[in-house]
Every structure is written in structure tokens, then in C-alpha cells.
């Protein structure tokens, strides 16, 4: 039986869980990477191990409270916190890093704020997870750990790697004018992406309050069926553009590609199927409106 708490007690509980996960991740990183003979020589591998451990802890509390939605804020909390901790730990405050921190905290703060606004309490689980529970009871725990917790963590970390590499970038004084221009272009893409999400969320929240049971087709939603997802995809491309501006093109583009594939191949089709089943007229809207903006 699921435990019930008030909404704000639930927020405090989730916050406590995430603090515990963060502390455990930091301690693991120190254990692996510090000392005269570190067990892991590459710091990004150490950060990755810390990320995986934190995810496992959050997943474990999700099992305890019988609610996969315990993981939901992880998506927006880990990147900005990890980038800031790494900046403090390495004492790196170059222009690329400062722009990365501003962009990631603006994006993460907006997304986390949206989670707090829409969060109904520890007893409420997102409809997607409830669906998986009912459709695949025998495999649910495997789906939960792998598909609903660990795969998102892996995709987000892959998309974060260009950001971590910015800590190795040269100071602004040694960058070419073109590199600096592209760096700021990537930063603007990130800020614009989070702003698009902010506007899209406000529009759909207001629309749903005034038109319960209907699909949103006003504002940005008039020009694309998923402007919030568009902003999310574009944000990670912005991070990669910032990286490419000072480091060039290489395999690290895979993170942004994986993020795009996650939304186009899984998140959006799942949402579209639900909308078609529950929102009259959505099929016509779907034919008349682009999938993104």
C-alpha cells in the first residue's frame, strides 16, 4: 500500500532523497578518483559512476514508495548541480564554463519549478508508469530499473559530456572570434530553448485549467504539437554547439543525437497515442500541425 503525505511533505521527502543520492555520488567519486593511486584515472568516468549510483539510490526509494515518479526530477536536477559541483571542485571559471552554468541552471530551474508546480504528492504516479505496471506486470521491475530510470540517466549523461569537456576548453582570450561567436550562439540556443519550454508550459497549464479534457492548440501549441519537447531537444543541441565552437566536431555529438532519438522514438509517440485515445479532435489537429515547431 502506498504511503500518503501532504504535497509539501512529499516535496521535502523527494528533496531529502536527492540530497542523500548526491552525497553518495560525491563520496563514490572521491573514493574512485582521489588519492595517490586513484581507481579511475578519467574524471568523467568517475562522474558517470557517481551518476549511476545516485540513480540507483533514487530508484531504490521509488521501490520503497511504490512510485517510479520519484525519479522524475532527476532529469532536471542532476545536470546543473553536477556542472556546478565540478566547477567548484576544479576551480574552473572560464567563459565557456560560466555560460554553461548559466544555461544549465536556467533550464534546470525552470524544469524543476514546473515539476514542483505539477507534483501532486508521493502517492501520485505518472500515467506512463502506471500503464507499464498494468501492461507488463511480470517485467515491470526490469522495465522500471532499465527503461524508466537508467536509460534516461545514460542518455542525459551522454548529452552532458560536451558540457564536461568545456571545462578543458582554453580561456576566452585564446579563442578565435568565430569560436567565441559560435559559443555565444550555442548559449543563446540554450536560453531560447528553456524559454520556449517556459512559455509552452504556461500556455498548456492555463489552457487545461480553462478547457479540461481538450487538447491545447493555442500559442506555441498552434504551431507545433510538442513545443515543450522541441525546447528540450534544442537545449541539448545548444550545449553541443557550445562544445563544438571551441573543440570542433567529433563523436560527442552522439549525446544530442541520442536525446533527439529518445523524444522522437519514445516520448512523443507515447504521448501521441494517449492524446489520440483521450482527446476528441486530436487526429485532425495532428494532421494539420507539425510534430515540433
C-alpha atoms as a PDB file:
ATOM      1  CA  UNK A   1       0.000   0.000   0.000  1.00  0.00           C
ATOM      2  CA  UNK A   2       1.357   3.403  -0.995  1.00  0.00           C
ATOM      3  CA  UNK A   3       2.275   5.832   1.742  1.00  0.00           C
ATOM      4  CA  UNK A   4       0.447   9.146   1.692  1.00  0.00           C
ATOM      5  CA  UNK A   5       1.854  12.520   2.700  1.00  0.00           C
ATOM      6  CA  UNK A   6       0.821  16.085   2.105  1.00  0.00           C
ATOM      7  CA  UNK A   7       2.090  17.699  -1.078  1.00  0.00           C
ATOM      8  CA  UNK A   8       4.776  19.782   0.621  1.00  0.00           C
ATOM      9  CA  UNK A   9       5.843  16.930   2.875  1.00  0.00           C
ATOM     10  CA  UNK A  10       6.224  14.906  -0.304  1.00  0.00           C
ATOM     11  CA  UNK A  11       8.407  17.645  -1.847  1.00  0.00           C
ATOM     12  CA  UNK A  12      10.553  17.678   1.306  1.00  0.00           C
ATOM     13  CA  UNK A  13      10.817  13.894   1.150  1.00  0.00           C
ATOM     14  CA  UNK A  14      11.911  13.926  -2.501  1.00  0.00           C
ATOM     15  CA  UNK A  15      14.448  16.660  -1.694  1.00  0.00           C
ATOM     16  CA  UNK A  16      15.884  14.555   1.133  1.00  0.00           C
ATOM     17  CA  UNK A  17      16.169  11.542  -1.159  1.00  0.00           C
ATOM     18  CA  UNK A  18      18.055  13.600  -3.721  1.00  0.00           C
ATOM     19  CA  UNK A  19      20.414  15.060  -1.136  1.00  0.00           C
ATOM     20  CA  UNK A  20      21.234  11.524   0.041  1.00  0.00           C
ATOM     21  CA  UNK A  21      21.793  10.427  -3.573  1.00  0.00           C
ATOM     22  CA  UNK A  22      24.052  13.440  -4.219  1.00  0.00           C
ATOM     23  CA  UNK A  23      26.139  12.820  -1.090  1.00  0.00           C
ATOM     24  CA  UNK A  24      26.546   9.156  -2.007  1.00  0.00           C
ATOM     25  CA  UNK A  25      27.584  10.098  -5.544  1.00  0.00           C
ATOM     26  CA  UNK A  26      30.177  12.602  -4.329  1.00  0.00           C
ATOM     27  CA  UNK A  27      31.616  10.110  -1.831  1.00  0.00           C
ATOM     28  CA  UNK A  28      31.891   7.460  -4.544  1.00  0.00           C
ATOM     29  CA  UNK A  29      33.666   9.913  -6.852  1.00  0.00           C
ATOM     30  CA  UNK A  30      36.160  10.834  -4.117  1.00  0.00           C
ATOM     31  CA  UNK A  31      36.766   7.153  -3.392  1.00  0.00           C
ATOM     32  CA  UNK A  32      37.349   6.316  -7.061  1.00  0.00           C
ATOM     33  CA  UNK A  33      39.288   9.339  -8.266  1.00  0.00           C
ATOM     34  CA  UNK A  34      41.159  10.864  -5.332  1.00  0.00           C
ATOM     35  CA  UNK A  35      44.371   9.753  -3.699  1.00  0.00           C
ATOM     36  CA  UNK A  36      47.852   8.887  -4.919  1.00  0.00           C
ATOM     37  CA  UNK A  37      46.620   5.822  -6.828  1.00  0.00           C
ATOM     38  CA  UNK A  38      43.058   6.541  -7.999  1.00  0.00           C
ATOM     39  CA  UNK A  39      40.962   3.585  -9.069  1.00  0.00           C
ATOM     40  CA  UNK A  40      39.645   5.620 -12.021  1.00  0.00           C
ATOM     41  CA  UNK A  41      42.006   7.872 -13.963  1.00  0.00           C
ATOM     42  CA  UNK A  42      39.427   9.612 -16.150  1.00  0.00           C
ATOM     43  CA  UNK A  43      37.342  12.054 -14.055  1.00  0.00           C
ATOM     44  CA  UNK A  44      34.377  11.853 -16.424  1.00  0.00           C
ATOM     45  CA  UNK A  45      34.231   8.097 -15.798  1.00  0.00           C
ATOM     46  CA  UNK A  46      34.213   8.864 -12.091  1.00  0.00           C
ATOM     47  CA  UNK A  47      31.346  11.335 -12.516  1.00  0.00           C
ATOM     48  CA  UNK A  48      29.493   8.737 -14.562  1.00  0.00           C
ATOM     49  CA  UNK A  49      29.866   6.154 -11.768  1.00  0.00           C
ATOM     50  CA  UNK A  50      28.563   8.718  -9.266  1.00  0.00           C
ATOM     51  CA  UNK A  51      25.600   9.421 -11.563  1.00  0.00           C
ATOM     52  CA  UNK A  52      24.759   5.722 -11.823  1.00  0.00           C
ATOM     53  CA  UNK A  53      24.953   5.262  -8.040  1.00  0.00           C
ATOM     54  CA  UNK A  54      22.710   8.280  -7.433  1.00  0.00           C
ATOM     55  CA  UNK A  55      20.217   6.876  -9.945  1.00  0.00           C
ATOM     56  CA  UNK A  56      20.216   3.506  -8.186  1.00  0.00           C
ATOM     57  CA  UNK A  57      19.509   5.194  -4.850  1.00  0.00           C
ATOM     58  CA  UNK A  58      16.616   7.197  -6.329  1.00  0.00           C
ATOM     59  CA  UNK A  59      15.304   4.022  -7.983  1.00  0.00           C
ATOM     60  CA  UNK A  60      15.504   2.214  -4.649  1.00  0.00           C
ATOM     61  CA  UNK A  61      13.413   4.860  -2.933  1.00  0.00           C
ATOM     62  CA  UNK A  62      10.970   4.595  -5.839  1.00  0.00           C
ATOM     63  CA  UNK A  63      10.591   0.920  -4.980  1.00  0.00           C
ATOM     64  CA  UNK A  64      10.166   1.752  -1.313  1.00  0.00           C
ATOM     65  CA  UNK A  65       7.364   4.215  -2.007  1.00  0.00           C
ATOM     66  CA  UNK A  66       5.956   2.162  -4.919  1.00  0.00           C
ATOM     67  CA  UNK A  67       6.244   5.182  -7.204  1.00  0.00           C
ATOM     68  CA  UNK A  68       8.515   5.471 -10.240  1.00  0.00           C
ATOM     69  CA  UNK A  69       7.802   9.218 -10.300  1.00  0.00           C
ATOM     70  CA  UNK A  70      10.384   9.620  -7.518  1.00  0.00           C
ATOM     71  CA  UNK A  71      12.840   9.671 -10.426  1.00  0.00           C
ATOM     72  CA  UNK A  72      11.066  12.431 -12.377  1.00  0.00           C
ATOM     73  CA  UNK A  73      13.040  15.448 -11.036  1.00  0.00           C
ATOM     74  CA  UNK A  74      16.369  13.686 -11.601  1.00  0.00           C
ATOM     75  CA  UNK A  75      16.360  14.714 -15.254  1.00  0.00           C
ATOM     76  CA  UNK A  76      16.468  18.415 -14.440  1.00  0.00           C
ATOM     77  CA  UNK A  77      18.355  18.338 -11.123  1.00  0.00           C
ATOM     78  CA  UNK A  78      21.486  16.344 -11.906  1.00  0.00           C
ATOM     79  CA  UNK A  79      22.940  18.341 -14.854  1.00  0.00           C
ATOM     80  CA  UNK A  80      23.068  21.827 -13.296  1.00  0.00           C
ATOM     81  CA  UNK A  81      24.111  20.511  -9.878  1.00  0.00           C
ATOM     82  CA  UNK A  82      26.811  18.279 -11.383  1.00  0.00           C
ATOM     83  CA  UNK A  83      28.185  21.110 -13.551  1.00  0.00           C
ATOM     84  CA  UNK A  84      28.302  23.483 -10.574  1.00  0.00           C
ATOM     85  CA  UNK A  85      29.960  20.946  -8.256  1.00  0.00           C
ATOM     86  CA  UNK A  86      32.532  20.201 -10.953  1.00  0.00           C
ATOM     87  CA  UNK A  87      33.236  23.920 -11.454  1.00  0.00           C
ATOM     88  CA  UNK A  88      33.813  24.346  -7.710  1.00  0.00           C
ATOM     89  CA  UNK A  89      35.832  21.126  -7.433  1.00  0.00           C
ATOM     90  CA  UNK A  90      38.126  22.029 -10.349  1.00  0.00           C
ATOM     91  CA  UNK A  91      38.003  25.786  -9.666  1.00  0.00           C
ATOM     92  CA  UNK A  92      37.302  26.375 -13.357  1.00  0.00           C
ATOM     93  CA  UNK A  93      35.533  29.622 -14.218  1.00  0.00           C
ATOM     94  CA  UNK A  94      36.367  30.246 -17.869  1.00  0.00           C
ATOM     95  CA  UNK A  95      33.874  31.942 -20.190  1.00  0.00           C
ATOM     96  CA  UNK A  96      32.616  28.613 -21.676  1.00  0.00           C
ATOM     97  CA  UNK A  97      32.050  27.220 -18.171  1.00  0.00           C
ATOM     98  CA  UNK A  98      30.253  30.344 -16.924  1.00  0.00           C
ATOM     99  CA  UNK A  99      27.934  30.295 -19.954  1.00  0.00           C
ATOM    100  CA  UNK A 100      27.338  26.566 -19.412  1.00  0.00           C
ATOM    101  CA  UNK A 101      26.403  27.144 -15.770  1.00  0.00           C
ATOM    102  CA  UNK A 102      24.019  29.998 -16.594  1.00  0.00           C
ATOM    103  CA  UNK A 103      22.322  27.970 -19.331  1.00  0.00           C
ATOM    104  CA  UNK A 104      22.038  24.751 -17.318  1.00  0.00           C
ATOM    105  CA  UNK A 105      20.718  26.447 -14.177  1.00  0.00           C
ATOM    106  CA  UNK A 106      18.169  28.462 -16.155  1.00  0.00           C
ATOM    107  CA  UNK A 107      16.998  25.313 -17.912  1.00  0.00           C
ATOM    108  CA  UNK A 108      17.119  23.100 -14.814  1.00  0.00           C
ATOM    109  CA  UNK A 109      15.498  25.689 -12.552  1.00  0.00           C
ATOM    110  CA  UNK A 110      12.608  26.134 -14.957  1.00  0.00           C
ATOM    111  CA  UNK A 111      12.070  22.408 -15.402  1.00  0.00           C
ATOM    112  CA  UNK A 112      12.323  21.683 -11.681  1.00  0.00           C
ATOM    113  CA  UNK A 113       9.932  24.532 -10.907  1.00  0.00           C
ATOM    114  CA  UNK A 114       7.461  23.031 -13.387  1.00  0.00           C
ATOM    115  CA  UNK A 115       7.803  19.673 -11.614  1.00  0.00           C
ATOM    116  CA  UNK A 116       7.082  21.298  -8.231  1.00  0.00           C
ATOM    117  CA  UNK A 117       4.009  23.064  -9.649  1.00  0.00           C
ATOM    118  CA  UNK A 118       2.564  19.892 -11.184  1.00  0.00           C
ATOM    119  CA  UNK A 119       3.690  17.455  -8.454  1.00  0.00           C
ATOM    120  CA  UNK A 120       0.655  16.019  -6.655  1.00  0.00           C
ATOM    121  CA  UNK A 121       2.409  14.089  -3.920  1.00  0.00           C
ATOM    122  CA  UNK A 122       4.371  10.919  -3.302  1.00  0.00           C
ATOM    123  CA  UNK A 123       1.231   8.785  -3.691  1.00  0.00           C
ATOM    124  CA  UNK A 124       0.637  10.010  -7.267  1.00  0.00           C
ATOM    125  CA  UNK A 125       2.434   8.217 -10.088  1.00  0.00           C
ATOM    126  CA  UNK A 126       2.709   9.420 -13.681  1.00  0.00           C
ATOM    127  CA  UNK A 127       0.241   7.749 -16.046  1.00  0.00           C
ATOM    128  CA  UNK A 128       3.058   6.312 -18.172  1.00  0.00           C
ATOM    129  CA  UNK A 129       4.469   4.326 -15.274  1.00  0.00           C
ATOM    130  CA  UNK A 130       1.025   3.159 -14.189  1.00  0.00           C
ATOM    131  CA  UNK A 131       0.453   1.946 -17.743  1.00  0.00           C
ATOM    132  CA  UNK A 132       3.658  -0.088 -17.731  1.00  0.00           C
ATOM    133  CA  UNK A 133       2.684  -1.605 -14.379  1.00  0.00           C
ATOM    134  CA  UNK A 134      -0.656  -2.806 -15.755  1.00  0.00           C
ATOM    135  CA  UNK A 135       0.543  -3.922 -19.201  1.00  0.00           C
ATOM    136  CA  UNK A 136       3.734  -5.725 -18.156  1.00  0.00           C
ATOM    137  CA  UNK A 137       3.411  -6.830 -14.507  1.00  0.00           C
ATOM    138  CA  UNK A 138       5.916  -9.677 -14.848  1.00  0.00           C
ATOM    139  CA  UNK A 139       8.574  -7.475 -16.449  1.00  0.00           C
ATOM    140  CA  UNK A 140       7.762  -4.224 -14.705  1.00  0.00           C
ATOM    141  CA  UNK A 141      10.710  -4.149 -12.300  1.00  0.00           C
ATOM    142  CA  UNK A 142      13.104  -4.741 -15.195  1.00  0.00           C
ATOM    143  CA  UNK A 143      11.384  -2.011 -17.225  1.00  0.00           C
ATOM    144  CA  UNK A 144      11.410   0.260 -14.198  1.00  0.00           C
ATOM    145  CA  UNK A 145      15.121  -0.064 -13.480  1.00  0.00           C
ATOM    146  CA  UNK A 146      16.369  -0.184 -17.056  1.00  0.00           C
ATOM    147  CA  UNK A 147      13.914   1.735 -19.184  1.00  0.00           C
ATOM    148  CA  UNK A 148      12.425   4.257 -16.761  1.00  0.00           C
ATOM    149  CA  UNK A 149      15.431   5.077 -14.583  1.00  0.00           C
ATOM    150  CA  UNK A 150      18.777   4.015 -16.004  1.00  0.00           C
ATOM    151  CA  UNK A 151      18.290   4.658 -19.731  1.00  0.00           C
ATOM    152  CA  UNK A 152      17.220   8.297 -19.195  1.00  0.00           C
ATOM    153  CA  UNK A 153      20.232   8.751 -16.902  1.00  0.00           C
ATOM    154  CA  UNK A 154      22.550   7.317 -19.567  1.00  0.00           C
ATOM    155  CA  UNK A 155      21.081   9.478 -22.338  1.00  0.00           C
ATOM    156  CA  UNK A 156      21.274  12.656 -20.256  1.00  0.00           C
ATOM    157  CA  UNK A 157      24.846  11.886 -19.224  1.00  0.00           C
ATOM    158  CA  UNK A 158      25.818  11.302 -22.861  1.00  0.00           C
ATOM    159  CA  UNK A 159      24.311  14.699 -23.709  1.00  0.00           C
ATOM    160  CA  UNK A 160      26.220  16.237 -20.768  1.00  0.00           C
ATOM    161  CA  UNK A 161      29.654  15.009 -21.902  1.00  0.00           C
ATOM    162  CA  UNK A 162      30.183  18.005 -24.242  1.00  0.00           C
ATOM    163  CA  UNK A 163      29.413  20.238 -21.259  1.00  0.00           C
ATOM    164  CA  UNK A 164      32.012  18.495 -19.084  1.00  0.00           C
ATOM    165  CA  UNK A 165      34.537  18.827 -21.899  1.00  0.00           C
ATOM    166  CA  UNK A 166      34.038  22.598 -21.833  1.00  0.00           C
ATOM    167  CA  UNK A 167      35.962  22.555 -18.548  1.00  0.00           C
ATOM    168  CA  UNK A 168      39.007  21.571 -20.619  1.00  0.00           C
ATOM    169  CA  UNK A 169      38.480  24.412 -23.094  1.00  0.00           C
ATOM    170  CA  UNK A 170      41.014  27.221 -23.385  1.00  0.00           C
ATOM    171  CA  UNK A 171      40.360  30.651 -21.888  1.00  0.00           C
ATOM    172  CA  UNK A 172      38.360  33.154 -23.915  1.00  0.00           C
ATOM    173  CA  UNK A 173      41.484  35.178 -24.711  1.00  0.00           C
ATOM    174  CA  UNK A 174      42.907  32.310 -26.750  1.00  0.00           C
ATOM    175  CA  UNK A 175      39.721  31.614 -28.736  1.00  0.00           C
ATOM    176  CA  UNK A 176      39.190  32.909 -32.241  1.00  0.00           C
ATOM    177  CA  UNK A 177      36.410  35.444 -32.903  1.00  0.00           C
ATOM    178  CA  UNK A 178      34.495  32.729 -34.789  1.00  0.00           C
ATOM    179  CA  UNK A 179      34.737  30.322 -31.838  1.00  0.00           C
ATOM    180  CA  UNK A 180      33.504  32.976 -29.419  1.00  0.00           C
ATOM    181  CA  UNK A 181      30.612  33.847 -31.764  1.00  0.00           C
ATOM    182  CA  UNK A 182      29.596  30.188 -32.044  1.00  0.00           C
ATOM    183  CA  UNK A 183      29.980  29.762 -28.270  1.00  0.00           C
ATOM    184  CA  UNK A 184      27.520  32.579 -27.650  1.00  0.00           C
ATOM    185  CA  UNK A 185      25.234  31.233 -30.389  1.00  0.00           C
ATOM    186  CA  UNK A 186      25.052  27.882 -28.583  1.00  0.00           C
ATOM    187  CA  UNK A 187      24.377  29.719 -25.319  1.00  0.00           C
ATOM    188  CA  UNK A 188      21.538  31.689 -26.951  1.00  0.00           C
ATOM    189  CA  UNK A 189      20.098  28.440 -28.324  1.00  0.00           C
ATOM    190  CA  UNK A 190      20.075  27.009 -24.771  1.00  0.00           C
ATOM    191  CA  UNK A 191      18.404  30.078 -23.262  1.00  0.00           C
ATOM    192  CA  UNK A 192      15.869  30.290 -26.099  1.00  0.00           C
ATOM    193  CA  UNK A 193      15.084  26.584 -25.719  1.00  0.00           C
ATOM    194  CA  UNK A 194      14.369  26.850 -21.991  1.00  0.00           C
ATOM    195  CA  UNK A 195      12.284  29.978 -22.641  1.00  0.00           C
ATOM    196  CA  UNK A 196      10.240  28.124 -25.255  1.00  0.00           C
ATOM    197  CA  UNK A 197       9.589  25.405 -22.670  1.00  0.00           C
ATOM    198  CA  UNK A 198       8.636  28.014 -20.082  1.00  0.00           C
ATOM    199  CA  UNK A 199       6.124  29.658 -22.436  1.00  0.00           C
ATOM    200  CA  UNK A 200       4.754  26.319 -23.667  1.00  0.00           C
ATOM    201  CA  UNK A 201       4.218  25.044 -20.109  1.00  0.00           C
ATOM    202  CA  UNK A 202       2.438  28.247 -19.072  1.00  0.00           C
ATOM    203  CA  UNK A 203       0.189  28.114 -22.121  1.00  0.00           C
ATOM    204  CA  UNK A 204      -0.824  24.491 -21.655  1.00  0.00           C
ATOM    205  CA  UNK A 205      -1.393  24.876 -17.905  1.00  0.00           C
ATOM    206  CA  UNK A 206      -3.668  27.877 -18.487  1.00  0.00           C
ATOM    207  CA  UNK A 207      -5.472  26.122 -21.338  1.00  0.00           C
ATOM    208  CA  UNK A 208      -6.109  22.942 -19.362  1.00  0.00           C
ATOM    209  CA  UNK A 209      -7.462  24.932 -16.438  1.00  0.00           C
ATOM    210  CA  UNK A 210      -9.944  26.704 -18.713  1.00  0.00           C
ATOM    211  CA  UNK A 211     -10.662  23.767 -21.062  1.00  0.00           C
ATOM    212  CA  UNK A 212     -10.478  20.474 -19.159  1.00  0.00           C
ATOM    213  CA  UNK A 213     -10.409  17.401 -21.343  1.00  0.00           C
ATOM    214  CA  UNK A 214      -9.393  19.263 -24.517  1.00  0.00           C
ATOM    215  CA  UNK A 215      -6.080  19.320 -26.361  1.00  0.00           C
ATOM    216  CA  UNK A 216      -4.126  22.574 -26.373  1.00  0.00           C
ATOM    217  CA  UNK A 217      -3.928  24.314 -29.758  1.00  0.00           C
ATOM    218  CA  UNK A 218      -3.142  27.904 -28.784  1.00  0.00           C
ATOM    219  CA  UNK A 219       0.086  29.886 -28.675  1.00  0.00           C
ATOM    220  CA  UNK A 220       3.127  27.762 -29.447  1.00  0.00           C
ATOM    221  CA  UNK A 221       0.882  24.690 -29.469  1.00  0.00           C
ATOM    222  CA  UNK A 222      -0.803  26.107 -32.568  1.00  0.00           C
ATOM    223  CA  UNK A 223       2.482  25.836 -34.457  1.00  0.00           C
ATOM    224  CA  UNK A 224       3.712  22.516 -33.078  1.00  0.00           C
ATOM    225  CA  UNK A 225       2.197  19.567 -31.222  1.00  0.00           C
ATOM    226  CA  UNK A 226       5.087  19.336 -28.763  1.00  0.00           C
ATOM    227  CA  UNK A 227       6.823  22.713 -28.314  1.00  0.00           C
ATOM    228  CA  UNK A 228       7.981  21.693 -24.832  1.00  0.00           C
ATOM    229  CA  UNK A 229       9.758  18.646 -26.244  1.00  0.00           C
ATOM    230  CA  UNK A 230      11.141  20.801 -29.056  1.00  0.00           C
ATOM    231  CA  UNK A 231      12.694  23.090 -26.472  1.00  0.00           C
ATOM    232  CA  UNK A 232      14.170  20.128 -24.584  1.00  0.00           C
ATOM    233  CA  UNK A 233      15.748  18.646 -27.701  1.00  0.00           C
ATOM    234  CA  UNK A 234      17.073  22.021 -28.823  1.00  0.00           C
ATOM    235  CA  UNK A 235      18.619  22.734 -25.398  1.00  0.00           C
ATOM    236  CA  UNK A 236      20.959  19.759 -25.657  1.00  0.00           C
ATOM    237  CA  UNK A 237      21.917  20.720 -29.189  1.00  0.00           C
ATOM    238  CA  UNK A 238      22.773  24.135 -27.773  1.00  0.00           C
ATOM    239  CA  UNK A 239      25.145  22.508 -25.261  1.00  0.00           C
ATOM    240  CA  UNK A 240      26.781  20.600 -28.075  1.00  0.00           C
ATOM    241  CA  UNK A 241      27.117  23.760 -30.213  1.00  0.00           C
ATOM    242  CA  UNK A 242      28.927  25.440 -27.293  1.00  0.00           C
ATOM    243  CA  UNK A 243      31.292  22.482 -27.125  1.00  0.00           C
ATOM    244  CA  UNK A 244      31.828  22.295 -30.895  1.00  0.00           C
ATOM    245  CA  UNK A 245      32.534  26.036 -31.022  1.00  0.00           C
ATOM    246  CA  UNK A 246      35.777  25.573 -29.098  1.00  0.00           C
ATOM    247  CA  UNK A 247      36.591  21.902 -29.740  1.00  0.00           C
ATOM    248  CA  UNK A 248      35.328  21.125 -33.235  1.00  0.00           C
ATOM    249  CA  UNK A 249      33.231  18.223 -34.480  1.00  0.00           C
ATOM    250  CA  UNK A 250      33.720  14.759 -33.028  1.00  0.00           C
ATOM    251  CA  UNK A 251      31.900  11.742 -31.567  1.00  0.00           C
ATOM    252  CA  UNK A 252      30.434  13.766 -28.697  1.00  0.00           C
ATOM    253  CA  UNK A 253      27.587  14.776 -30.986  1.00  0.00           C
ATOM    254  CA  UNK A 254      26.162  11.312 -30.181  1.00  0.00           C
ATOM    255  CA  UNK A 255      24.656  12.619 -26.931  1.00  0.00           C
ATOM    256  CA  UNK A 256      22.471  15.201 -28.672  1.00  0.00           C
ATOM    257  CA  UNK A 257      21.522  12.611 -31.304  1.00  0.00           C
ATOM    258  CA  UNK A 258      20.548  10.103 -28.588  1.00  0.00           C
ATOM    259  CA  UNK A 259      18.457  12.746 -26.833  1.00  0.00           C
ATOM    260  CA  UNK A 260      16.648  13.543 -30.083  1.00  0.00           C
ATOM    261  CA  UNK A 261      16.020   9.852 -30.687  1.00  0.00           C
ATOM    262  CA  UNK A 262      14.651   9.383 -27.165  1.00  0.00           C
ATOM    263  CA  UNK A 263      11.982  12.030 -27.712  1.00  0.00           C
ATOM    264  CA  UNK A 264      11.141  11.259 -31.337  1.00  0.00           C
ATOM    265  CA  UNK A 265      11.211   7.492 -30.862  1.00  0.00           C
ATOM    266  CA  UNK A 266       9.683   7.029 -27.396  1.00  0.00           C
ATOM    267  CA  UNK A 267       8.336  10.087 -25.540  1.00  0.00           C
ATOM    268  CA  UNK A 268       6.416  11.714 -28.382  1.00  0.00           C
ATOM    269  CA  UNK A 269       4.828   8.513 -29.830  1.00  0.00           C
ATOM    270  CA  UNK A 270       3.688   7.512 -26.328  1.00  0.00           C
ATOM    271  CA  UNK A 271       2.116  10.913 -25.724  1.00  0.00           C
ATOM    272  CA  UNK A 272       0.521  10.973 -29.192  1.00  0.00           C
ATOM    273  CA  UNK A 273      -1.102   7.600 -28.620  1.00  0.00           C
ATOM    274  CA  UNK A 274      -2.618   8.803 -25.351  1.00  0.00           C
ATOM    275  CA  UNK A 275      -3.857  12.048 -26.902  1.00  0.00           C
ATOM    276  CA  UNK A 276      -5.465  10.236 -29.822  1.00  0.00           C
ATOM    277  CA  UNK A 277      -7.290   7.925 -27.419  1.00  0.00           C
ATOM    278  CA  UNK A 278      -8.467  10.604 -24.968  1.00  0.00           C
ATOM    279  CA  UNK A 279      -8.794  13.936 -26.793  1.00  0.00           C
ATOM    280  CA  UNK A 280     -11.589  14.243 -29.387  1.00  0.00           C
ATOM    281  CA  UNK A 281     -10.401  16.034 -32.489  1.00  0.00           C
ATOM    282  CA  UNK A 282      -6.732  15.361 -31.829  1.00  0.00           C
ATOM    283  CA  UNK A 283      -6.400  13.300 -35.018  1.00  0.00           C
ATOM    284  CA  UNK A 284      -7.342  16.357 -37.120  1.00  0.00           C
ATOM    285  CA  UNK A 285      -5.023  18.587 -35.099  1.00  0.00           C
ATOM    286  CA  UNK A 286      -2.272  16.011 -35.642  1.00  0.00           C
ATOM    287  CA  UNK A 287      -2.722  16.132 -39.407  1.00  0.00           C
ATOM    288  CA  UNK A 288      -2.743  19.940 -39.521  1.00  0.00           C
ATOM    289  CA  UNK A 289       0.124  20.688 -37.122  1.00  0.00           C
ATOM    290  CA  UNK A 290       3.828  19.841 -37.207  1.00  0.00           C
ATOM    291  CA  UNK A 291       5.196  17.447 -34.625  1.00  0.00           C
ATOM    292  CA  UNK A 292       7.642  20.098 -33.371  1.00  0.00           C
ATOM    293  CA  UNK A 293       7.781  23.831 -34.075  1.00  0.00           C
END
